[in-house]
Amino acid sequence: FISGVTGRIGRILLNKIIQDPDLCLAGGSA
């Protein structure tokens, strides 16, 4: 889960998690 997903670092993390087959998204907040 990414808290602060809409910020600069949050968006970088979101992109990396989506691309990584060993990770999945539980959610994100702003």
mmCIF file of all heavy atoms, coordinates in Angstrom:
data_MODEL
# 
_entry.id   MODEL 
# 
loop_
_atom_site.group_PDB 
_atom_site.id 
_atom_site.type_symbol 
_atom_site.label_atom_id 
_atom_site.label_alt_id 
_atom_site.label_comp_id 
_atom_site.label_asym_id 
_atom_site.label_entity_id 
_atom_site.label_seq_id 
_atom_site.pdbx_PDB_ins_code 
_atom_site.Cartn_x 
_atom_site.Cartn_y 
_atom_site.Cartn_z 
_atom_site.occupancy 
_atom_site.B_iso_or_equiv 
_atom_site.pdbx_formal_charge 
_atom_site.auth_seq_id 
_atom_site.auth_comp_id 
_atom_site.auth_asym_id 
_atom_site.auth_atom_id 
_atom_site.pdbx_PDB_model_num 
ATOM 1   N N   . PHE A 1 1  ? 0.866  -1.174  0.000   1.00 0.00 ? 1  PHE A N   1 
ATOM 2   C CA  . PHE A 1 1  ? 0.000  0.000   0.000   1.00 0.00 ? 1  PHE A CA  1 
ATOM 3   C C   . PHE A 1 1  ? 0.902  1.224   0.000   1.00 0.00 ? 1  PHE A C   1 
ATOM 4   O O   . PHE A 1 1  ? 1.825  1.317   0.804   1.00 0.00 ? 1  PHE A O   1 
ATOM 5   C CB  . PHE A 1 1  ? -0.895 0.016   1.241   1.00 0.00 ? 1  PHE A CB  1 
ATOM 6   C CG  . PHE A 1 1  ? -1.879 1.151   1.249   1.00 0.00 ? 1  PHE A CG  1 
ATOM 7   C CD1 . PHE A 1 1  ? -3.150 0.962   0.750   1.00 0.00 ? 1  PHE A CD1 1 
ATOM 8   C CD2 . PHE A 1 1  ? -1.521 2.397   1.740   1.00 0.00 ? 1  PHE A CD2 1 
ATOM 9   C CE1 . PHE A 1 1  ? -4.069 2.007   0.744   1.00 0.00 ? 1  PHE A CE1 1 
ATOM 10  C CE2 . PHE A 1 1  ? -2.421 3.441   1.737   1.00 0.00 ? 1  PHE A CE2 1 
ATOM 11  C CZ  . PHE A 1 1  ? -3.705 3.249   1.232   1.00 0.00 ? 1  PHE A CZ  1 
ATOM 12  N N   . ILE A 1 2  ? 0.621  2.193   -0.894  1.00 0.00 ? 2  ILE A N   1 
ATOM 13  C CA  . ILE A 1 2  ? 1.412  3.421   -0.971  1.00 0.00 ? 2  ILE A CA  1 
ATOM 14  C C   . ILE A 1 2  ? 0.590  4.587   -0.430  1.00 0.00 ? 2  ILE A C   1 
ATOM 15  O O   . ILE A 1 2  ? -0.413 4.973   -1.026  1.00 0.00 ? 2  ILE A O   1 
ATOM 16  C CB  . ILE A 1 2  ? 1.838  3.733   -2.415  1.00 0.00 ? 2  ILE A CB  1 
ATOM 17  C CG1 . ILE A 1 2  ? 2.582  2.568   -3.043  1.00 0.00 ? 2  ILE A CG1 1 
ATOM 18  C CG2 . ILE A 1 2  ? 2.704  5.004   -2.443  1.00 0.00 ? 2  ILE A CG2 1 
ATOM 19  C CD1 . ILE A 1 2  ? 2.816  2.721   -4.536  1.00 0.00 ? 2  ILE A CD1 1 
ATOM 20  N N   . SER A 1 3  ? 1.018  5.122   0.678   1.00 0.00 ? 3  SER A N   1 
ATOM 21  C CA  . SER A 1 3  ? 0.404  6.324   1.239   1.00 0.00 ? 3  SER A CA  1 
ATOM 22  C C   . SER A 1 3  ? 1.149  7.515   0.644   1.00 0.00 ? 3  SER A C   1 
ATOM 23  O O   . SER A 1 3  ? 2.361  7.625   0.766   1.00 0.00 ? 3  SER A O   1 
ATOM 24  C CB  . SER A 1 3  ? 0.540  6.322   2.760   1.00 0.00 ? 3  SER A CB  1 
ATOM 25  O OG  . SER A 1 3  ? 0.018  7.508   3.296   1.00 0.00 ? 3  SER A OG  1 
ATOM 26  N N   . GLY A 1 4  ? 0.417  8.389   -0.026  1.00 0.00 ? 4  GLY A N   1 
ATOM 27  C CA  . GLY A 1 4  ? 1.050  9.493   -0.741  1.00 0.00 ? 4  GLY A CA  1 
ATOM 28  C C   . GLY A 1 4  ? 1.338  9.133   -2.184  1.00 0.00 ? 4  GLY A C   1 
ATOM 29  O O   . GLY A 1 4  ? 2.288  9.605   -2.788  1.00 0.00 ? 4  GLY A O   1 
ATOM 30  N N   . VAL A 1 5  ? 0.493  8.284   -2.754  1.00 0.00 ? 5  VAL A N   1 
ATOM 31  C CA  . VAL A 1 5  ? 0.718  7.729   -4.099  1.00 0.00 ? 5  VAL A CA  1 
ATOM 32  C C   . VAL A 1 5  ? 0.692  8.789   -5.197  1.00 0.00 ? 5  VAL A C   1 
ATOM 33  O O   . VAL A 1 5  ? 1.278  8.578   -6.256  1.00 0.00 ? 5  VAL A O   1 
ATOM 34  C CB  . VAL A 1 5  ? -0.290 6.590   -4.394  1.00 0.00 ? 5  VAL A CB  1 
ATOM 35  C CG1 . VAL A 1 5  ? -1.691 7.135   -4.621  1.00 0.00 ? 5  VAL A CG1 1 
ATOM 36  C CG2 . VAL A 1 5  ? 0.167  5.739   -5.564  1.00 0.00 ? 5  VAL A CG2 1 
ATOM 37  N N   . THR A 1 6  ? 0.061  9.931   -4.971  1.00 0.00 ? 6  THR A N   1 
ATOM 38  C CA  . THR A 1 6  ? -0.039 10.941  -6.032  1.00 0.00 ? 6  THR A CA  1 
ATOM 39  C C   . THR A 1 6  ? 1.148  11.897  -6.077  1.00 0.00 ? 6  THR A C   1 
ATOM 40  O O   . THR A 1 6  ? 1.273  12.683  -7.003  1.00 0.00 ? 6  THR A O   1 
ATOM 41  C CB  . THR A 1 6  ? -1.336 11.761  -5.895  1.00 0.00 ? 6  THR A CB  1 
ATOM 42  O OG1 . THR A 1 6  ? -1.349 12.416  -4.631  1.00 0.00 ? 6  THR A OG1 1 
ATOM 43  C CG2 . THR A 1 6  ? -2.553 10.865  -6.030  1.00 0.00 ? 6  THR A CG2 1 
ATOM 44  N N   . GLY A 1 7  ? 2.016  11.822  -5.093  1.00 0.00 ? 7  GLY A N   1 
ATOM 45  C CA  . GLY A 1 7  ? 3.203  12.678  -5.074  1.00 0.00 ? 7  GLY A CA  1 
ATOM 46  C C   . GLY A 1 7  ? 4.283  12.157  -6.008  1.00 0.00 ? 7  GLY A C   1 
ATOM 47  O O   . GLY A 1 7  ? 4.163  11.094  -6.623  1.00 0.00 ? 7  GLY A O   1 
ATOM 48  N N   . ARG A 1 8  ? 5.373  12.913  -6.121  1.00 0.00 ? 8  ARG A N   1 
ATOM 49  C CA  . ARG A 1 8  ? 6.459  12.556  -7.032  1.00 0.00 ? 8  ARG A CA  1 
ATOM 50  C C   . ARG A 1 8  ? 7.047  11.176  -6.726  1.00 0.00 ? 8  ARG A C   1 
ATOM 51  O O   . ARG A 1 8  ? 7.137  10.324  -7.608  1.00 0.00 ? 8  ARG A O   1 
ATOM 52  C CB  . ARG A 1 8  ? 7.554  13.622  -6.973  1.00 0.00 ? 8  ARG A CB  1 
ATOM 53  C CG  . ARG A 1 8  ? 8.636  13.441  -8.011  1.00 0.00 ? 8  ARG A CG  1 
ATOM 54  C CD  . ARG A 1 8  ? 9.583  14.622  -8.065  1.00 0.00 ? 8  ARG A CD  1 
ATOM 55  N NE  . ARG A 1 8  ? 10.115 14.989  -6.775  1.00 0.00 ? 8  ARG A NE  1 
ATOM 56  C CZ  . ARG A 1 8  ? 11.261 14.523  -6.277  1.00 0.00 ? 8  ARG A CZ  1 
ATOM 57  N NH1 . ARG A 1 8  ? 11.987 13.680  -6.966  1.00 0.00 ? 8  ARG A NH1 1 
ATOM 58  N NH2 . ARG A 1 8  ? 11.675 14.917  -5.098  1.00 0.00 ? 8  ARG A NH2 1 
ATOM 59  N N   . ILE A 1 9  ? 7.412  10.935  -5.486  1.00 0.00 ? 9  ILE A N   1 
ATOM 60  C CA  . ILE A 1 9  ? 7.992  9.640   -5.116  1.00 0.00 ? 9  ILE A CA  1 
ATOM 61  C C   . ILE A 1 9  ? 6.927  8.550   -5.133  1.00 0.00 ? 9  ILE A C   1 
ATOM 62  O O   . ILE A 1 9  ? 7.184  7.418   -5.569  1.00 0.00 ? 9  ILE A O   1 
ATOM 63  C CB  . ILE A 1 9  ? 8.665  9.709   -3.731  1.00 0.00 ? 9  ILE A CB  1 
ATOM 64  C CG1 . ILE A 1 9  ? 9.764  10.776  -3.712  1.00 0.00 ? 9  ILE A CG1 1 
ATOM 65  C CG2 . ILE A 1 9  ? 9.216  8.344   -3.319  1.00 0.00 ? 9  ILE A CG2 1 
ATOM 66  C CD1 . ILE A 1 9  ? 10.890 10.541  -4.711  1.00 0.00 ? 9  ILE A CD1 1 
ATOM 67  N N   . GLY A 1 10 ? 5.720  8.858   -4.697  1.00 0.00 ? 10 GLY A N   1 
ATOM 68  C CA  . GLY A 1 10 ? 4.625  7.891   -4.730  1.00 0.00 ? 10 GLY A CA  1 
ATOM 69  C C   . GLY A 1 10 ? 4.369  7.367   -6.135  1.00 0.00 ? 10 GLY A C   1 
ATOM 70  O O   . GLY A 1 10 ? 4.143  6.175   -6.337  1.00 0.00 ? 10 GLY A O   1 
ATOM 71  N N   . ARG A 1 11 ? 4.426  8.240   -7.119  1.00 0.00 ? 11 ARG A N   1 
ATOM 72  C CA  . ARG A 1 11 ? 4.210  7.824   -8.514  1.00 0.00 ? 11 ARG A CA  1 
ATOM 73  C C   . ARG A 1 11 ? 5.357  6.959   -9.036  1.00 0.00 ? 11 ARG A C   1 
ATOM 74  O O   . ARG A 1 11 ? 5.120  6.012   -9.780  1.00 0.00 ? 11 ARG A O   1 
ATOM 75  C CB  . ARG A 1 11 ? 4.032  9.041   -9.409  1.00 0.00 ? 11 ARG A CB  1 
ATOM 76  C CG  . ARG A 1 11 ? 2.708  9.735   -9.199  1.00 0.00 ? 11 ARG A CG  1 
ATOM 77  C CD  . ARG A 1 11 ? 2.620  10.974  -10.067 1.00 0.00 ? 11 ARG A CD  1 
ATOM 78  N NE  . ARG A 1 11 ? 1.449  11.756  -9.732  1.00 0.00 ? 11 ARG A NE  1 
ATOM 79  C CZ  . ARG A 1 11 ? 0.559  12.172  -10.618 1.00 0.00 ? 11 ARG A CZ  1 
ATOM 80  N NH1 . ARG A 1 11 ? 0.714  11.898  -11.895 1.00 0.00 ? 11 ARG A NH1 1 
ATOM 81  N NH2 . ARG A 1 11 ? -0.470 12.894  -10.242 1.00 0.00 ? 11 ARG A NH2 1 
ATOM 82  N N   . ILE A 1 12 ? 6.565  7.272   -8.618  1.00 0.00 ? 12 ILE A N   1 
ATOM 83  C CA  . ILE A 1 12 ? 7.713  6.431   -9.003  1.00 0.00 ? 12 ILE A CA  1 
ATOM 84  C C   . ILE A 1 12 ? 7.545  5.037   -8.416  1.00 0.00 ? 12 ILE A C   1 
ATOM 85  O O   . ILE A 1 12 ? 7.721  4.029   -9.107  1.00 0.00 ? 12 ILE A O   1 
ATOM 86  C CB  . ILE A 1 12 ? 9.041  7.069   -8.549  1.00 0.00 ? 12 ILE A CB  1 
ATOM 87  C CG1 . ILE A 1 12 ? 9.319  8.337   -9.357  1.00 0.00 ? 12 ILE A CG1 1 
ATOM 88  C CG2 . ILE A 1 12 ? 10.198 6.071   -8.684  1.00 0.00 ? 12 ILE A CG2 1 
ATOM 89  C CD1 . ILE A 1 12 ? 10.458 9.190   -8.824  1.00 0.00 ? 12 ILE A CD1 1 
ATOM 90  N N   . LEU A 1 13 ? 7.184  4.973   -7.123  1.00 0.00 ? 13 LEU A N   1 
ATOM 91  C CA  . LEU A 1 13 ? 6.961  3.677   -6.476  1.00 0.00 ? 13 LEU A CA  1 
ATOM 92  C C   . LEU A 1 13 ? 5.832  2.908   -7.149  1.00 0.00 ? 13 LEU A C   1 
ATOM 93  O O   . LEU A 1 13 ? 5.946  1.699   -7.381  1.00 0.00 ? 13 LEU A O   1 
ATOM 94  C CB  . LEU A 1 13 ? 6.622  3.883   -5.000  1.00 0.00 ? 13 LEU A CB  1 
ATOM 95  C CG  . LEU A 1 13 ? 7.760  4.355   -4.111  1.00 0.00 ? 13 LEU A CG  1 
ATOM 96  C CD1 . LEU A 1 13 ? 7.217  4.804   -2.764  1.00 0.00 ? 13 LEU A CD1 1 
ATOM 97  C CD2 . LEU A 1 13 ? 8.782  3.254   -3.942  1.00 0.00 ? 13 LEU A CD2 1 
ATOM 98  N N   . LEU A 1 14 ? 4.744  3.591   -7.460  1.00 0.00 ? 14 LEU A N   1 
ATOM 99  C CA  . LEU A 1 14 ? 3.612  2.964   -8.133  1.00 0.00 ? 14 LEU A CA  1 
ATOM 100 C C   . LEU A 1 14 ? 4.052  2.307   -9.432  1.00 0.00 ? 14 LEU A C   1 
ATOM 101 O O   . LEU A 1 14 ? 3.740  1.141   -9.690  1.00 0.00 ? 14 LEU A O   1 
ATOM 102 C CB  . LEU A 1 14 ? 2.528  4.014   -8.402  1.00 0.00 ? 14 LEU A CB  1 
ATOM 103 C CG  . LEU A 1 14 ? 1.330  3.568   -9.239  1.00 0.00 ? 14 LEU A CG  1 
ATOM 104 C CD1 . LEU A 1 14 ? 0.552  2.471   -8.526  1.00 0.00 ? 14 LEU A CD1 1 
ATOM 105 C CD2 . LEU A 1 14 ? 0.445  4.768   -9.549  1.00 0.00 ? 14 LEU A CD2 1 
ATOM 106 N N   . ASN A 1 15 ? 4.792  3.030   -10.236 1.00 0.00 ? 15 ASN A N   1 
ATOM 107 C CA  . ASN A 1 15 ? 5.259  2.498   -11.509 1.00 0.00 ? 15 ASN A CA  1 
ATOM 108 C C   . ASN A 1 15 ? 6.146  1.268   -11.316 1.00 0.00 ? 15 ASN A C   1 
ATOM 109 O O   . ASN A 1 15 ? 5.996  0.260   -12.011 1.00 0.00 ? 15 ASN A O   1 
ATOM 110 C CB  . ASN A 1 15 ? 6.005  3.583   -12.284 1.00 0.00 ? 15 ASN A CB  1 
ATOM 111 C CG  . ASN A 1 15 ? 6.376  3.135   -13.670 1.00 0.00 ? 15 ASN A CG  1 
ATOM 112 O OD1 . ASN A 1 15 ? 5.528  2.665   -14.426 1.00 0.00 ? 15 ASN A OD1 1 
ATOM 113 N ND2 . ASN A 1 15 ? 7.631  3.260   -14.012 1.00 0.00 ? 15 ASN A ND2 1 
ATOM 114 N N   . LYS A 1 16 ? 7.055  1.332   -10.366 1.00 0.00 ? 16 LYS A N   1 
ATOM 115 C CA  . LYS A 1 16 ? 7.969  0.205   -10.113 1.00 0.00 ? 16 LYS A CA  1 
ATOM 116 C C   . LYS A 1 16 ? 7.207  -1.025  -9.609  1.00 0.00 ? 16 LYS A C   1 
ATOM 117 O O   . LYS A 1 16 ? 7.507  -2.152  -9.995  1.00 0.00 ? 16 LYS A O   1 
ATOM 118 C CB  . LYS A 1 16 ? 9.058  0.600   -9.110  1.00 0.00 ? 16 LYS A CB  1 
ATOM 119 C CG  . LYS A 1 16 ? 9.974  1.686   -9.602  1.00 0.00 ? 16 LYS A CG  1 
ATOM 120 C CD  . LYS A 1 16 ? 10.707 1.270   -10.854 1.00 0.00 ? 16 LYS A CD  1 
ATOM 121 C CE  . LYS A 1 16 ? 11.652 2.359   -11.301 1.00 0.00 ? 16 LYS A CE  1 
ATOM 122 N NZ  . LYS A 1 16 ? 12.290 2.063   -12.579 1.00 0.00 ? 16 LYS A NZ  1 
ATOM 123 N N   . ILE A 1 17 ? 6.223  -0.821  -8.736  1.00 0.00 ? 17 ILE A N   1 
ATOM 124 C CA  . ILE A 1 17 ? 5.451  -1.942  -8.206  1.00 0.00 ? 17 ILE A CA  1 
ATOM 125 C C   . ILE A 1 17 ? 4.638  -2.598  -9.314  1.00 0.00 ? 17 ILE A C   1 
ATOM 126 O O   . ILE A 1 17 ? 4.569  -3.825  -9.403  1.00 0.00 ? 17 ILE A O   1 
ATOM 127 C CB  . ILE A 1 17 ? 4.555  -1.490  -7.034  1.00 0.00 ? 17 ILE A CB  1 
ATOM 128 C CG1 . ILE A 1 17 ? 5.438  -1.112  -5.835  1.00 0.00 ? 17 ILE A CG1 1 
ATOM 129 C CG2 . ILE A 1 17 ? 3.548  -2.573  -6.657  1.00 0.00 ? 17 ILE A CG2 1 
ATOM 130 C CD1 . ILE A 1 17 ? 4.708  -0.375  -4.737  1.00 0.00 ? 17 ILE A CD1 1 
ATOM 131 N N   . ILE A 1 18 ? 4.012  -1.792  -10.166 1.00 0.00 ? 18 ILE A N   1 
ATOM 132 C CA  . ILE A 1 18 ? 3.233  -2.344  -11.278 1.00 0.00 ? 18 ILE A CA  1 
ATOM 133 C C   . ILE A 1 18 ? 4.115  -3.184  -12.194 1.00 0.00 ? 18 ILE A C   1 
ATOM 134 O O   . ILE A 1 18 ? 3.696  -4.223  -12.692 1.00 0.00 ? 18 ILE A O   1 
ATOM 135 C CB  . ILE A 1 18 ? 2.522  -1.218  -12.056 1.00 0.00 ? 18 ILE A CB  1 
ATOM 136 C CG1 . ILE A 1 18 ? 1.361  -0.670  -11.215 1.00 0.00 ? 18 ILE A CG1 1 
ATOM 137 C CG2 . ILE A 1 18 ? 2.019  -1.704  -13.409 1.00 0.00 ? 18 ILE A CG2 1 
ATOM 138 C CD1 . ILE A 1 18 ? 0.682  0.551   -11.809 1.00 0.00 ? 18 ILE A CD1 1 
ATOM 139 N N   . GLN A 1 19 ? 5.359  -2.785  -12.390 1.00 0.00 ? 19 GLN A N   1 
ATOM 140 C CA  . GLN A 1 19 ? 6.273  -3.490  -13.296 1.00 0.00 ? 19 GLN A CA  1 
ATOM 141 C C   . GLN A 1 19 ? 6.903  -4.737  -12.685 1.00 0.00 ? 19 GLN A C   1 
ATOM 142 O O   . GLN A 1 19 ? 7.378  -5.601  -13.415 1.00 0.00 ? 19 GLN A O   1 
ATOM 143 C CB  . GLN A 1 19 ? 7.400  -2.551  -13.736 1.00 0.00 ? 19 GLN A CB  1 
ATOM 144 C CG  . GLN A 1 19 ? 6.940  -1.438  -14.628 1.00 0.00 ? 19 GLN A CG  1 
ATOM 145 C CD  . GLN A 1 19 ? 8.083  -0.519  -15.029 1.00 0.00 ? 19 GLN A CD  1 
ATOM 146 O OE1 . GLN A 1 19 ? 9.245  -0.886  -14.975 1.00 0.00 ? 19 GLN A OE1 1 
ATOM 147 N NE2 . GLN A 1 19 ? 7.747  0.688   -15.433 1.00 0.00 ? 19 GLN A NE2 1 
ATOM 148 N N   . ASP A 1 20 ? 6.918  -4.842  -11.368 1.00 0.00 ? 20 ASP A N   1 
ATOM 149 C CA  . ASP A 1 20 ? 7.612  -5.944  -10.703 1.00 0.00 ? 20 ASP A CA  1 
ATOM 150 C C   . ASP A 1 20 ? 6.676  -7.133  -10.505 1.00 0.00 ? 20 ASP A C   1 
ATOM 151 O O   . ASP A 1 20 ? 5.680  -7.035  -9.804  1.00 0.00 ? 20 ASP A O   1 
ATOM 152 C CB  . ASP A 1 20 ? 8.140  -5.473  -9.346  1.00 0.00 ? 20 ASP A CB  1 
ATOM 153 C CG  . ASP A 1 20 ? 9.106  -6.453  -8.711  1.00 0.00 ? 20 ASP A CG  1 
ATOM 154 O OD1 . ASP A 1 20 ? 8.862  -7.684  -8.787  1.00 0.00 ? 20 ASP A OD1 1 
ATOM 155 O OD2 . ASP A 1 20 ? 10.100 -5.999  -8.127  1.00 0.00 ? 20 ASP A OD2 1 
ATOM 156 N N   . PRO A 1 21 ? 7.001  -8.303  -11.097 1.00 0.00 ? 21 PRO A N   1 
ATOM 157 C CA  . PRO A 1 21 ? 6.118  -9.468  -10.978 1.00 0.00 ? 21 PRO A CA  1 
ATOM 158 C C   . PRO A 1 21 ? 6.061  -10.069 -9.565  1.00 0.00 ? 21 PRO A C   1 
ATOM 159 O O   . PRO A 1 21 ? 5.165  -10.846 -9.267  1.00 0.00 ? 21 PRO A O   1 
ATOM 160 C CB  . PRO A 1 21 ? 6.718  -10.467 -11.965 1.00 0.00 ? 21 PRO A CB  1 
ATOM 161 C CG  . PRO A 1 21 ? 8.143  -10.061 -12.111 1.00 0.00 ? 21 PRO A CG  1 
ATOM 162 C CD  . PRO A 1 21 ? 8.174  -8.568  -11.923 1.00 0.00 ? 21 PRO A CD  1 
ATOM 163 N N   . ASP A 1 22 ? 6.988  -9.698  -8.688  1.00 0.00 ? 22 ASP A N   1 
ATOM 164 C CA  . ASP A 1 22 ? 6.990  -10.210 -7.321  1.00 0.00 ? 22 ASP A CA  1 
ATOM 165 C C   . ASP A 1 22 ? 6.210  -9.319  -6.354  1.00 0.00 ? 22 ASP A C   1 
ATOM 166 O O   . ASP A 1 22 ? 6.105  -9.636  -5.172  1.00 0.00 ? 22 ASP A O   1 
ATOM 167 C CB  . ASP A 1 22 ? 8.422  -10.360 -6.811  1.00 0.00 ? 22 ASP A CB  1 
ATOM 168 C CG  . ASP A 1 22 ? 9.182  -11.437 -7.561  1.00 0.00 ? 22 ASP A CG  1 
ATOM 169 O OD1 . ASP A 1 22 ? 8.545  -12.439 -7.976  1.00 0.00 ? 22 ASP A OD1 1 
ATOM 170 O OD2 . ASP A 1 22 ? 10.401 -11.284 -7.757  1.00 0.00 ? 22 ASP A OD2 1 
ATOM 171 N N   . LEU A 1 23 ? 5.690  -8.200  -6.862  1.00 0.00 ? 23 LEU A N   1 
ATOM 172 C CA  . LEU A 1 23 ? 4.951  -7.262  -6.020  1.00 0.00 ? 23 LEU A CA  1 
ATOM 173 C C   . LEU A 1 23 ? 3.557  -7.051  -6.582  1.00 0.00 ? 23 LEU A C   1 
ATOM 174 O O   . LEU A 1 23 ? 3.333  -7.200  -7.778  1.00 0.00 ? 23 LEU A O   1 
ATOM 175 C CB  . LEU A 1 23 ? 5.672  -5.913  -5.958  1.00 0.00 ? 23 LEU A CB  1 
ATOM 176 C CG  . LEU A 1 23 ? 7.101  -5.924  -5.435  1.00 0.00 ? 23 LEU A CG  1 
ATOM 177 C CD1 . LEU A 1 23 ? 7.718  -4.536  -5.560  1.00 0.00 ? 23 LEU A CD1 1 
ATOM 178 C CD2 . LEU A 1 23 ? 7.156  -6.398  -3.999  1.00 0.00 ? 23 LEU A CD2 1 
ATOM 179 N N   . CYS A 1 24 ? 2.634  -6.692  -5.709  1.00 0.00 ? 24 CYS A N   1 
ATOM 180 C CA  . CYS A 1 24 ? 1.301  -6.305  -6.179  1.00 0.00 ? 24 CYS A CA  1 
ATOM 181 C C   . CYS A 1 24 ? 0.813  -5.137  -5.339  1.00 0.00 ? 24 CYS A C   1 
ATOM 182 O O   . CYS A 1 24 ? 1.277  -4.908  -4.227  1.00 0.00 ? 24 CYS A O   1 
ATOM 183 C CB  . CYS A 1 24 ? 0.328  -7.470  -6.157  1.00 0.00 ? 24 CYS A CB  1 
ATOM 184 S SG  . CYS A 1 24 ? -0.186 -8.008  -4.535  1.00 0.00 ? 24 CYS A SG  1 
ATOM 185 N N   . LEU A 1 25 ? -0.116 -4.392  -5.895  1.00 0.00 ? 25 LEU A N   1 
ATOM 186 C CA  . LEU A 1 25 ? -0.674 -3.234  -5.217  1.00 0.00 ? 25 LEU A CA  1 
ATOM 187 C C   . LEU A 1 25 ? -1.818 -3.640  -4.304  1.00 0.00 ? 25 LEU A C   1 
ATOM 188 O O   . LEU A 1 25 ? -2.726 -4.350  -4.724  1.00 0.00 ? 25 LEU A O   1 
ATOM 189 C CB  . LEU A 1 25 ? -1.209 -2.237  -6.239  1.00 0.00 ? 25 LEU A CB  1 
ATOM 190 C CG  . LEU A 1 25 ? -0.181 -1.480  -7.060  1.00 0.00 ? 25 LEU A CG  1 
ATOM 191 C CD1 . LEU A 1 25 ? -0.858 -0.753  -8.205  1.00 0.00 ? 25 LEU A CD1 1 
ATOM 192 C CD2 . LEU A 1 25 ? 0.573  -0.513  -6.174  1.00 0.00 ? 25 LEU A CD2 1 
ATOM 193 N N   . ALA A 1 26 ? -1.759 -3.186  -3.079  1.00 0.00 ? 26 ALA A N   1 
ATOM 194 C CA  . ALA A 1 26 ? -2.890 -3.352  -2.165  1.00 0.00 ? 26 ALA A CA  1 
ATOM 195 C C   . ALA A 1 26 ? -3.770 -2.117  -2.233  1.00 0.00 ? 26 ALA A C   1 
ATOM 196 O O   . ALA A 1 26 ? -4.958 -2.176  -1.962  1.00 0.00 ? 26 ALA A O   1 
ATOM 197 C CB  . ALA A 1 26 ? -2.398 -3.562  -0.743  1.00 0.00 ? 26 ALA A CB  1 
ATOM 198 N N   . GLY A 1 27 ? -3.172 -0.985  -2.592  1.00 0.00 ? 27 GLY A N   1 
ATOM 199 C CA  . GLY A 1 27 ? -3.920 0.262   -2.678  1.00 0.00 ? 27 GLY A CA  1 
ATOM 200 C C   . GLY A 1 27 ? -2.992 1.448   -2.618  1.00 0.00 ? 27 GLY A C   1 
ATOM 201 O O   . GLY A 1 27 ? -1.777 1.318   -2.510  1.00 0.00 ? 27 GLY A O   1 
ATOM 202 N N   . GLY A 1 28 ? -3.605 2.611   -2.686  1.00 0.00 ? 28 GLY A N   1 
ATOM 203 C CA  . GLY A 1 28 ? -2.860 3.856   -2.612  1.00 0.00 ? 28 GLY A CA  1 
ATOM 204 C C   . GLY A 1 28 ? -3.770 4.955   -2.101  1.00 0.00 ? 28 GLY A C   1 
ATOM 205 O O   . GLY A 1 28 ? -4.970 4.948   -2.361  1.00 0.00 ? 28 GLY A O   1 
ATOM 206 N N   . SER A 1 29 ? -3.185 5.881   -1.367  1.00 0.00 ? 29 SER A N   1 
ATOM 207 C CA  . SER A 1 29 ? -3.990 6.966   -0.816  1.00 0.00 ? 29 SER A CA  1 
ATOM 208 C C   . SER A 1 29 ? -3.358 8.315   -1.083  1.00 0.00 ? 29 SER A C   1 
ATOM 209 O O   . SER A 1 29 ? -2.158 8.423   -1.344  1.00 0.00 ? 29 SER A O   1 
ATOM 210 C CB  . SER A 1 29 ? -4.197 6.779   0.693   1.00 0.00 ? 29 SER A CB  1 
ATOM 211 O OG  . SER A 1 29 ? -2.963 6.876   1.378   1.00 0.00 ? 29 SER A OG  1 
ATOM 212 N N   . ALA A 1 30 ? -4.205 9.327   -1.005  1.00 0.00 ? 30 ALA A N   1 
ATOM 213 C CA  . ALA A 1 30 ? -3.797 10.723  -1.136  1.00 0.00 ? 30 ALA A CA  1 
ATOM 214 C C   . ALA A 1 30 ? -4.589 11.510  -0.099  1.00 0.00 ? 30 ALA A C   1 
ATOM 215 O O   . ALA A 1 30 ? -5.504 10.979  0.541   1.00 0.00 ? 30 ALA A O   1 
ATOM 216 C CB  . ALA A 1 30 ? -4.097 11.221  -2.540  1.00 0.00 ? 30 ALA A CB  1 
# 
